[in-house]
C-alpha atoms as a PDB file:
ATOM      1  CA  MET A   1     268.488-121.311 -38.458  1.00  0.00           C
ATOM      2  CA  PRO A   2     267.249-124.567 -36.909  1.00  0.00           C
ATOM      3  CA  GLU A   3     269.552-127.356 -35.736  1.00  0.00           C
ATOM      4  CA  PHE A   4     268.488-130.889 -34.905  1.00  0.00           C
ATOM      5  CA  LYS A   5     270.055-133.861 -33.225  1.00  0.00           C
ATOM      6  CA  VAL A   6     269.029-136.823 -35.402  1.00  0.00           C
ATOM      7  CA  ASN A   7     269.112-140.356 -33.950  1.00  0.00           C
ATOM      8  CA  ILE A   8     269.072-142.989 -36.715  1.00  0.00           C
ATOM      9  CA  SER A   9     268.351-146.609 -35.798  1.00  0.00           C
ATOM     10  CA  ASP A  10     269.362-149.379 -38.162  1.00  0.00           C
ATOM     11  CA  GLY A  11     266.836-151.890 -36.768  1.00  0.00           C
ATOM     12  CA  LYS A  12     269.552-154.187 -35.479  1.00  0.00           C
ATOM     13  CA  GLY A  13     270.191-152.396 -32.192  1.00  0.00           C
ATOM     14  CA  LYS A  14     272.697-149.814 -33.431  1.00  0.00           C
ATOM     15  CA  THR A  15     271.868-146.099 -33.282  1.00  0.00           C
ATOM     16  CA  THR A  16     273.860-143.316 -34.913  1.00  0.00           C
ATOM     17  CA  THR A  17     273.579-139.669 -33.855  1.00  0.00           C
ATOM     18  CA  VAL A  18     274.018-136.954 -36.496  1.00  0.00           C
ATOM     19  CA  GLU A  19     273.802-133.152 -36.189  1.00  0.00           C
ATOM     20  CA  ALA A  20     271.485-131.679 -38.844  1.00  0.00           C
ATOM     21  CA  LYS A  21     272.292-128.085 -39.792  1.00  0.00           C
ATOM     22  CA  GLY A  22     271.639-125.942 -42.825  1.00  0.00           C
ATOM     23  CA  PRO A  23     269.858-127.593 -45.762  1.00  0.00           C
ATOM     24  CA  ALA A  24     269.357-130.902 -43.923  1.00  0.00           C
ATOM     25  CA  ALA A  25     267.610-129.111 -41.040  1.00  0.00           C
ATOM     26  CA  ASN A  26     265.469-127.029 -43.400  1.00  0.00           C
ATOM     27  CA  THR A  27     264.330-130.205 -45.150  1.00  0.00           C
ATOM     28  CA  LEU A  28     263.019-131.618 -41.855  1.00  0.00           C
ATOM     29  CA  ILE A  29     260.898-128.525 -41.028  1.00  0.00           C
ATOM     30  CA  GLY A  30     257.257-129.321 -41.762  1.00  0.00           C
ATOM     31  CA  MET A  31     257.691-133.089 -42.044  1.00  0.00           C
ATOM     32  CA  LYS A  32     255.539-135.377 -39.876  1.00  0.00           C
ATOM     33  CA  ILE A  33     256.016-138.626 -37.977  1.00  0.00           C
ATOM     34  CA  GLY A  34     255.763-141.437 -40.509  1.00  0.00           C
ATOM     35  CA  ASP A  35     257.179-139.457 -43.448  1.00  0.00           C
ATOM     36  CA  GLU A  36     260.069-141.013 -45.380  1.00  0.00           C
ATOM     37  CA  LEU A  37     263.104-139.276 -46.807  1.00  0.00           C
ATOM     38  CA  ALA A  38     266.421-140.101 -48.481  1.00  0.00           C
ATOM     39  CA  GLY A  39     269.389-140.804 -46.223  1.00  0.00           C
ATOM     40  CA  ASP A  40     271.755-138.756 -48.439  1.00  0.00           C
ATOM     41  CA  LEU A  41     271.198-135.721 -46.236  1.00  0.00           C
ATOM     42  CA  PHE A  42     272.646-137.565 -43.241  1.00  0.00           C
ATOM     43  CA  GLY A  43     275.499-139.460 -44.908  1.00  0.00           C
ATOM     44  CA  LEU A  44     273.539-142.649 -45.603  1.00  0.00           C
ATOM     45  CA  PRO A  45     273.332-142.931 -49.395  1.00  0.00           C
ATOM     46  CA  LYS A  46     270.726-145.232 -51.021  1.00  0.00           C
ATOM     47  CA  GLN A  47     268.854-145.718 -47.754  1.00  0.00           C
ATOM     48  CA  VAL A  48     265.318-144.634 -46.883  1.00  0.00           C
ATOM     49  CA  LEU A  49     264.713-143.156 -43.424  1.00  0.00           C
ATOM     50  CA  LYS A  50     261.362-142.941 -41.663  1.00  0.00           C
ATOM     51  CA  ILE A  51     260.632-140.362 -38.964  1.00  0.00           C
ATOM     52  CA  THR A  52     259.509-142.219 -35.831  1.00  0.00           C
ATOM     53  CA  GLY A  53     259.356-139.448 -33.214  1.00  0.00           C
ATOM     54  CA  GLY A  54     261.289-136.764 -31.400  1.00  0.00           C
ATOM     55  CA  SER A  55     261.198-134.268 -28.545  1.00  0.00           C
ATOM     56  CA  ASP A  56     261.233-130.499 -28.094  1.00  0.00           C
ATOM     57  CA  LYS A  57     263.614-128.236 -26.227  1.00  0.00           C
ATOM     58  CA  SER A  58     261.779-128.846 -22.935  1.00  0.00           C
ATOM     59  CA  GLY A  59     261.933-132.632 -23.346  1.00  0.00           C
ATOM     60  CA  PHE A  60     258.264-133.127 -24.240  1.00  0.00           C
ATOM     61  CA  PRO A  61     257.776-136.082 -26.641  1.00  0.00           C
ATOM     62  CA  MET A  62     256.161-135.909 -30.064  1.00  0.00           C
ATOM     63  CA  ILE A  63     253.133-138.151 -30.519  1.00  0.00           C
ATOM     64  CA  PRO A  64     251.826-139.325 -33.909  1.00  0.00           C
ATOM     65  CA  TRP A  65     248.084-138.754 -33.434  1.00  0.00           C
ATOM     66  CA  LEU A  66     248.233-135.068 -32.390  1.00  0.00           C
ATOM     67  CA  GLN A  67     248.163-132.993 -35.597  1.00  0.00           C
ATOM     68  CA  GLY A  68     250.417-129.982 -36.094  1.00  0.00           C
ATOM     69  CA  GLY A  69     253.412-128.645 -34.191  1.00  0.00           C
ATOM     70  CA  ILE A  70     251.497-127.559 -31.128  1.00  0.00           C
ATOM     71  CA  LYS A  71     252.250-128.275 -27.482  1.00  0.00           C
ATOM     72  CA  LYS A  72     249.250-129.548 -25.538  1.00  0.00           C
ATOM     73  CA  GLN A  73     248.450-131.001 -22.160  1.00  0.00           C
ATOM     74  CA  ILE A  74     246.611-134.342 -22.291  1.00  0.00           C
ATOM     75  CA  TYR A  75     245.335-136.902 -19.805  1.00  0.00           C
ATOM     76  CA  VAL A  76     247.229-140.187 -19.703  1.00  0.00           C
ATOM     77  CA  LYS A  77     245.861-143.294 -17.995  1.00  0.00           C
ATOM     78  CA  LYS A  78     248.104-144.461 -15.179  1.00  0.00           C
ATOM     79  CA  LYS A  79     247.642-147.279 -12.725  1.00  0.00           C
ATOM     80  CA  GLY A  80     245.237-145.913 -10.140  1.00  0.00           C
ATOM     81  CA  GLY A  81     243.973-142.909 -12.108  1.00  0.00           C
ATOM     82  CA  ARG A  82     244.804-140.288 -14.718  1.00  0.00           C
ATOM     83  CA  GLU A  83     247.709-137.916 -15.032  1.00  0.00           C
ATOM     84  CA  LYS A  84     248.161-134.703 -17.033  1.00  0.00           C
ATOM     85  CA  LYS A  85     251.132-134.746 -19.358  1.00  0.00           C
ATOM     86  CA  TRP A  86     252.542-132.209 -21.828  1.00  0.00           C
ATOM     87  CA  VAL A  87     253.167-133.509 -25.373  1.00  0.00           C
ATOM     88  CA  ARG A  88     254.122-132.066 -28.756  1.00  0.00           C
ATOM     89  CA  GLY A  89     252.262-132.651 -32.074  1.00  0.00           C
ATOM     90  CA  ASN A  90     253.474-134.810 -34.956  1.00  0.00           C
ATOM     91  CA  THR A  91     254.949-132.012 -37.134  1.00  0.00           C
ATOM     92  CA  ILE A  92     258.611-130.973 -36.861  1.00  0.00           C
ATOM     93  CA  THR A  93     258.979-127.265 -36.060  1.00  0.00           C
ATOM     94  CA  GLU A  94     261.861-125.072 -34.926  1.00  0.00           C
ATOM     95  CA  ASP A  95     260.979-125.914 -31.296  1.00  0.00           C
ATOM     96  CA  VAL A  96     261.966-129.559 -31.824  1.00  0.00           C
ATOM     97  CA  VAL A  97     265.609-130.372 -31.005  1.00  0.00           C
ATOM     98  CA  GLN A  98     265.721-134.173 -31.346  1.00  0.00           C
ATOM     99  CA  VAL A  99     264.339-136.231 -34.207  1.00  0.00           C
ATOM    100  CA  ASN A 100     264.268-140.034 -34.160  1.00  0.00           C
ATOM    101  CA  MET A 101     264.476-141.990 -37.418  1.00  0.00           C
ATOM    102  CA  ALA A 102     264.761-145.596 -38.536  1.00  0.00           C
ATOM    103  CA  VAL A 103     266.227-147.158 -41.689  1.00  0.00           C
ATOM    104  CA  VAL A 104     263.354-148.831 -43.495  1.00  0.00           C
ATOM    105  CA  ALA A 105     264.830-149.781 -46.890  1.00  0.00           C
ATOM    106  CA  GLU A 106     267.856-149.558 -49.122  1.00  0.00           C
ATOM    107  CA  GLN A 107     266.216-147.923 -52.134  1.00  0.00           C
ATOM    108  CA  GLU A 108     264.799-144.590 -53.243  1.00  0.00           C
ATOM    109  CA  PRO A 109     262.037-143.067 -51.056  1.00  0.00           C
ATOM    110  CA  LYS A 110     258.385-142.869 -52.066  1.00  0.00           C
ATOM    111  CA  LYS A 111     257.349-139.548 -53.589  1.00  0.00           C
ATOM    112  CA  PRO A 112     254.705-137.788 -51.439  1.00  0.00           C
END
């Protein structure tokens, strides 16, 4: 059964960390960066949360433009050249351990 550490930012500089287990964790599996969900699962009633990123068990960051839950090595431009870097796709899988979210509204979420 998956477990996630969920960091929720309120947009005013305060971040709350919540452990997601059981049904809350199962809800996150398969969601992508940019998806919105109700905050009821994490103790924030009547608030809408948006997934903004995350990282896997090795510390590799999720990036929004890489489709799926794959891990891939990409080239990143650095000052003076290019560098290879490992990244994770935009879909939450069981390999992800940290999910970052932000409060976007105080209403019901949009239906996908």
